[in-house]
């Protein structure tokens, strides 16, 4: 009983992780399945046909590539704009700052169906043709909020004394930003970019309202679900998961190596500094 109370939190965490990863494991397993009918819902026979012929079903690869293109472009633009907004909100005081902080959270709090319908009404009133451009604008609009919040949290957690030390060493504002501020904020910017890309890539509701005849990967899956999702979708989903997992593991490895390198740097204690000071005076 004592062991259970001591390890209860760890056991719950493991169970939650298992619960979260079971659907992903099922998708990965079914990507090697050869279904008997149209629906790939139960195991039938081991096969690598989906992996050797990823584009064997019309529309799968084209929609997948289109989602990646829109995700990359929307992420780059939203990350650049959101980072500048985060710097302005954290580092400067201006009229309407509190209102801007409140408005930043509005796209995050608004249901996607409301946002998608609102954007559709806007584009129709402006007689703007629906397609890739409208989806891109919509994705940039709701990604910016997540970028601002992520980068803003990173900026607020920074120690301002580090930049002050750089200025005390006669570094100009550009040098301070290039060699001190930007490297410290970069992990937050990269995290915001990864979050923005994942939100853009798997978005369905906003894309469906504003896509017109454009077919993204989520829209393709929704349409294919009515007649049977091909096994290639499971294989592509597995590839996306493995790529995302690799990026996370690489980031963790780089952070671990950086911490180890910093720990290996010798630290001069107060006694040593006192001895050095005494020798310099003598």
Protein backbone atom coordinates (compact mmCIF):
# COMPACT_ATOMS: atom_id res chain seq x y z
CA UNK A 1 0.00 0.00 0.00
CA UNK A 2 2.84 2.39 0.80
CA UNK A 3 4.46 1.61 -2.58
CA UNK A 4 1.16 2.35 -4.36
CA UNK A 5 0.74 5.73 -2.66
CA UNK A 6 4.35 6.61 -3.44
CA UNK A 7 4.12 5.74 -7.14
CA UNK A 8 0.46 6.59 -7.80
CA UNK A 9 1.23 9.76 -9.77
CA UNK A 10 3.73 7.95 -12.00
CA UNK A 11 1.29 5.11 -12.63
CA UNK A 12 -1.47 7.54 -13.61
CA UNK A 13 0.93 9.39 -15.94
CA UNK A 14 1.91 6.13 -17.66
CA UNK A 15 -1.73 5.10 -18.08
CA UNK A 16 -2.60 8.48 -19.59
CA UNK A 17 0.30 8.23 -22.05
CA UNK A 18 -0.74 4.71 -23.02
CA UNK A 19 -4.30 5.93 -23.56
CA UNK A 20 -3.04 8.78 -25.77
CA UNK A 21 -0.76 6.61 -27.88
CA UNK A 22 -3.12 3.67 -28.45
CA UNK A 23 -4.90 5.33 -31.44
CA UNK A 24 -1.53 6.19 -32.99
CA UNK A 25 -0.36 2.61 -32.52
CA UNK A 26 -3.53 1.32 -34.19
CA UNK A 27 -2.98 3.61 -37.19
CA UNK A 28 0.63 2.44 -37.51
CA UNK A 29 -0.37 -1.23 -37.33
CA UNK A 30 -3.19 -0.84 -39.85
CA UNK A 31 -0.79 0.85 -42.29
CA UNK A 32 0.65 -2.66 -42.83
CA UNK A 33 -2.76 -4.20 -43.29
CA UNK A 34 -4.38 -5.48 -46.46
CA UNK A 35 -8.10 -4.98 -45.82
CA UNK A 36 -10.60 -7.43 -47.18
CA UNK A 37 -13.05 -4.72 -48.24
CA UNK A 38 -13.03 -0.94 -48.61
CA UNK A 39 -12.83 -0.18 -44.90
CA UNK A 40 -9.51 -0.62 -43.11
CA UNK A 41 -10.95 -1.15 -39.63
CA UNK A 42 -9.83 -4.66 -38.66
CA UNK A 43 -6.69 -6.69 -39.19
CA UNK A 44 -6.81 -9.04 -42.18
CA UNK A 45 -3.39 -9.70 -43.70
CA UNK A 46 0.12 -8.25 -43.43
CA UNK A 47 1.14 -6.22 -46.47
CA UNK A 48 3.54 -3.42 -47.38
CA UNK A 49 1.61 -2.32 -50.46
CA UNK A 50 0.62 0.99 -48.88
CA UNK A 51 4.26 1.83 -48.10
CA UNK A 52 5.64 0.81 -51.49
CA UNK A 53 2.88 2.66 -53.35
CA UNK A 54 2.00 5.72 -51.27
CA UNK A 55 0.43 7.57 -54.20
CA UNK A 56 -1.46 4.57 -55.53
CA UNK A 57 -4.84 6.12 -54.76
CA UNK A 58 -5.73 9.30 -56.69
CA UNK A 59 -5.78 12.44 -54.58
CA UNK A 60 -3.88 11.14 -51.56
CA UNK A 61 -0.44 12.57 -52.30
CA UNK A 62 -1.72 15.76 -53.94
CA UNK A 63 -3.85 16.66 -50.91
CA UNK A 64 -1.01 15.71 -48.55
CA UNK A 65 1.50 17.91 -50.39
CA UNK A 66 -1.01 20.77 -50.56
CA UNK A 67 -1.52 20.65 -46.77
CA UNK A 68 2.26 20.72 -46.26
CA UNK A 69 2.64 23.70 -48.61
CA UNK A 70 -0.12 25.69 -46.92
CA UNK A 71 1.20 24.74 -43.48
CA UNK A 72 4.75 25.87 -44.25
CA UNK A 73 3.73 29.20 -45.83
CA UNK A 74 1.18 29.98 -43.12
CA UNK A 75 3.66 29.05 -40.39
CA UNK A 76 6.44 31.24 -41.77
CA UNK A 77 4.22 34.30 -42.13
CA UNK A 78 2.39 33.80 -38.83
CA UNK A 79 5.63 33.15 -36.94
CA UNK A 80 7.25 36.32 -38.29
CA UNK A 81 4.22 38.50 -37.54
CA UNK A 82 3.46 36.83 -34.20
CA UNK A 83 7.04 37.19 -32.99
CA UNK A 84 7.01 40.92 -33.71
CA UNK A 85 3.66 41.30 -31.93
CA UNK A 86 5.02 39.39 -28.90
CA UNK A 87 8.08 41.65 -28.73
CA UNK A 88 5.87 44.75 -28.93
CA UNK A 89 3.55 43.51 -26.16
CA UNK A 90 6.37 42.53 -23.79
CA UNK A 91 9.01 45.18 -24.40
CA UNK A 92 6.97 48.33 -25.09
CA UNK A 93 4.23 50.31 -23.41
CA UNK A 94 1.69 51.87 -25.77
CA UNK A 95 -1.94 52.95 -25.81
CA UNK A 96 -4.28 50.01 -26.30
CA UNK A 97 -1.75 47.43 -25.10
CA UNK A 98 -4.21 45.80 -22.68
CA UNK A 99 -6.88 45.65 -25.36
CA UNK A 100 -4.44 44.06 -27.78
CA UNK A 101 -3.51 41.46 -25.18
CA UNK A 102 -7.21 40.62 -24.81
CA UNK A 103 -7.87 40.48 -28.54
CA UNK A 104 -4.94 38.10 -29.05
CA UNK A 105 -6.84 35.43 -27.13
CA UNK A 106 -10.07 35.87 -29.10
CA UNK A 107 -9.17 33.58 -32.04
CA UNK A 108 -8.02 30.92 -29.55
CA UNK A 109 -11.27 31.14 -27.57
CA UNK A 110 -13.59 31.36 -30.58
CA UNK A 111 -15.00 28.00 -31.80
CA UNK A 112 -13.58 27.05 -35.17
CA UNK A 113 -17.02 26.65 -36.73
CA UNK A 114 -17.81 30.28 -35.83
CA UNK A 115 -14.47 31.50 -37.17
CA UNK A 116 -14.80 29.47 -40.37
CA UNK A 117 -18.33 30.72 -41.04
CA UNK A 118 -17.32 34.32 -40.30
CA UNK A 119 -14.37 34.18 -42.68
CA UNK A 120 -16.56 32.58 -45.35
CA UNK A 121 -19.09 35.41 -45.04
CA UNK A 122 -16.26 37.96 -45.24
CA UNK A 123 -14.75 36.46 -48.38
CA UNK A 124 -18.16 36.15 -50.04
CA UNK A 125 -19.05 39.78 -49.26
CA UNK A 126 -15.71 40.89 -50.71
CA UNK A 127 -16.36 38.64 -53.75
CA UNK A 128 -12.99 36.99 -53.09
CA UNK A 129 -12.72 33.61 -54.85
CA UNK A 130 -12.39 30.70 -52.44
CA UNK A 131 -9.31 28.54 -52.78
CA UNK A 132 -5.73 28.26 -51.63
CA UNK A 133 -5.35 31.98 -50.87
CA UNK A 134 -8.43 32.12 -48.64
CA UNK A 135 -7.35 29.01 -46.74
CA UNK A 136 -3.88 30.50 -46.31
CA UNK A 137 -5.29 33.78 -44.96
CA UNK A 138 -7.56 31.90 -42.57
CA UNK A 139 -4.73 29.71 -41.27
CA UNK A 140 -2.42 32.69 -40.73
CA UNK A 141 -5.14 34.48 -38.81
CA UNK A 142 -5.73 31.79 -36.20
CA UNK A 143 -2.09 30.63 -35.99
CA UNK A 144 -0.82 34.09 -35.05
CA UNK A 145 -2.53 33.95 -31.65
CA UNK A 146 -0.74 30.74 -30.68
CA UNK A 147 2.59 32.13 -31.87
CA UNK A 148 2.16 35.34 -29.88
CA UNK A 149 1.26 33.49 -26.69
CA UNK A 150 4.18 31.05 -27.02
CA UNK A 151 6.85 33.65 -27.84
CA UNK A 152 5.44 36.05 -25.26
CA UNK A 153 5.81 33.43 -22.54
CA UNK A 154 9.44 32.91 -23.57
CA UNK A 155 10.16 36.64 -23.49
CA UNK A 156 8.56 37.11 -20.09
CA UNK A 157 10.69 34.28 -18.70
CA UNK A 158 13.95 35.89 -19.83
CA UNK A 159 16.23 37.56 -17.32
CA UNK A 160 16.60 41.22 -18.42
CA UNK A 161 19.93 41.45 -16.62
CA UNK A 162 21.55 39.38 -19.38
CA UNK A 163 20.77 42.05 -21.97
CA UNK A 164 21.77 44.77 -19.53
CA UNK A 165 25.14 43.06 -19.08
CA UNK A 166 25.62 43.02 -22.86
CA UNK A 167 24.85 46.75 -23.05
CA UNK A 168 27.25 47.41 -20.17
CA UNK A 169 29.92 45.76 -22.31
CA UNK A 170 29.28 48.41 -25.00
CA UNK A 171 27.23 46.22 -27.33
CA UNK A 172 24.92 48.23 -29.59
CA UNK A 173 21.19 47.31 -29.83
CA UNK A 174 21.71 45.24 -32.98
CA UNK A 175 24.52 43.22 -31.41
CA UNK A 176 22.46 42.66 -28.25
CA UNK A 177 19.55 41.35 -30.28
CA UNK A 178 21.70 39.21 -32.57
CA UNK A 179 23.99 37.60 -30.01
CA UNK A 180 21.89 37.66 -26.82
CA UNK A 181 18.16 38.20 -27.27
CA UNK A 182 17.51 36.19 -30.43
CA UNK A 183 19.40 33.03 -29.33
CA UNK A 184 17.49 33.05 -26.04
CA UNK A 185 14.11 33.54 -27.73
CA UNK A 186 14.84 31.11 -30.59
CA UNK A 187 13.59 27.97 -28.75
CA UNK A 188 10.26 29.68 -28.13
CA UNK A 189 10.03 30.78 -31.77
CA UNK A 190 10.78 27.27 -33.01
CA UNK A 191 8.24 25.80 -30.61
CA UNK A 192 5.63 28.30 -31.80
CA UNK A 193 6.43 27.44 -35.43
CA UNK A 194 6.03 23.70 -34.81
CA UNK A 195 2.75 24.31 -33.00
CA UNK A 196 1.51 26.55 -35.80
CA UNK A 197 2.40 24.03 -38.49
CA UNK A 198 0.63 21.20 -36.68
CA UNK A 199 -2.49 23.36 -36.22
CA UNK A 200 -2.48 24.32 -39.89
CA UNK A 201 -1.77 20.83 -41.20
CA UNK A 202 -4.60 19.06 -39.37
CA UNK A 203 -7.21 21.85 -39.52
CA UNK A 204 -10.47 20.73 -41.08
CA UNK A 205 -13.33 23.03 -40.06
CA UNK A 206 -11.86 26.40 -41.09
CA UNK A 207 -10.34 24.88 -44.22
CA UNK A 208 -13.62 23.22 -45.20
CA UNK A 209 -15.54 26.50 -44.99
CA UNK A 210 -13.01 28.48 -47.06
CA UNK A 211 -11.42 25.93 -49.39
CA UNK A 212 -13.87 26.06 -52.29
CA UNK A 213 -12.68 23.34 -54.66
CA UNK A 214 -9.32 22.98 -52.87
CA UNK A 215 -8.76 19.60 -51.23
CA UNK A 216 -6.39 19.47 -48.28
CA UNK A 217 -5.38 16.27 -46.51
CA UNK A 218 -8.01 16.52 -43.70
CA UNK A 219 -10.72 17.34 -46.27
CA UNK A 220 -9.64 14.34 -48.34
CA UNK A 221 -9.83 12.05 -45.30
CA UNK A 222 -13.30 13.36 -44.46
CA UNK A 223 -14.50 12.65 -47.98
CA UNK A 224 -12.82 9.26 -48.15
CA UNK A 225 -14.30 8.17 -44.82
CA UNK A 226 -17.70 7.82 -46.47
CA UNK A 227 -16.46 5.30 -49.01
CA UNK A 228 -13.51 3.79 -47.15
CA UNK A 229 -10.22 5.42 -46.16
CA UNK A 230 -7.33 3.90 -48.15
CA UNK A 231 -4.42 2.29 -46.33
CA UNK A 232 -2.08 4.91 -47.80
CA UNK A 233 -3.63 7.47 -45.43
CA UNK A 234 -2.47 5.38 -42.47
CA UNK A 235 1.02 5.17 -43.94
CA UNK A 236 1.23 8.94 -44.50
CA UNK A 237 -0.10 9.59 -41.00
CA UNK A 238 2.59 7.28 -39.62
CA UNK A 239 5.27 9.17 -41.54
CA UNK A 240 4.02 12.50 -40.13
CA UNK A 241 4.08 11.11 -36.58
CA UNK A 242 7.58 9.68 -36.96
CA UNK A 243 8.91 12.95 -38.41
CA UNK A 244 7.35 14.96 -35.56
CA UNK A 245 8.74 12.50 -33.01
CA UNK A 246 12.20 12.73 -34.58
CA UNK A 247 12.14 16.54 -34.36
CA UNK A 248 11.19 16.40 -30.69
CA UNK A 249 13.87 13.82 -29.89
CA UNK A 250 16.52 15.81 -31.76
CA UNK A 251 15.53 18.94 -29.85
CA UNK A 252 15.74 17.10 -26.55
CA UNK A 253 19.14 15.66 -27.48
CA UNK A 254 20.50 19.10 -28.43
CA UNK A 255 19.20 20.56 -25.16
CA UNK A 256 20.78 17.70 -23.21
CA UNK A 257 24.15 18.21 -24.91
CA UNK A 258 23.95 21.94 -24.25
CA UNK A 259 23.21 21.40 -20.57
CA UNK A 260 26.10 18.94 -20.29
CA UNK A 261 28.49 21.37 -21.96
CA UNK A 262 27.43 24.12 -19.55
CA UNK A 263 27.84 21.82 -16.56
CA UNK A 264 31.35 20.96 -17.67
CA UNK A 265 32.44 24.61 -17.56
CA UNK A 266 34.49 25.14 -14.38
CA UNK A 267 32.97 27.55 -11.90
CA UNK A 268 35.22 29.74 -9.76
CA UNK A 269 33.92 29.87 -6.22
CA UNK A 270 34.06 32.89 -3.89
CA UNK A 271 37.17 31.63 -2.12
CA UNK A 272 39.07 31.40 -5.39
CA UNK A 273 37.93 34.88 -6.39
CA UNK A 274 39.14 36.23 -3.04
CA UNK A 275 42.55 34.63 -3.56
CA UNK A 276 42.83 36.09 -7.06
CA UNK A 277 41.83 39.52 -5.75
CA UNK A 278 44.46 39.31 -2.98
CA UNK A 279 47.16 38.28 -5.44
CA UNK A 280 46.27 41.14 -7.79
CA UNK A 281 46.54 43.66 -4.95
CA UNK A 282 49.88 42.33 -3.78
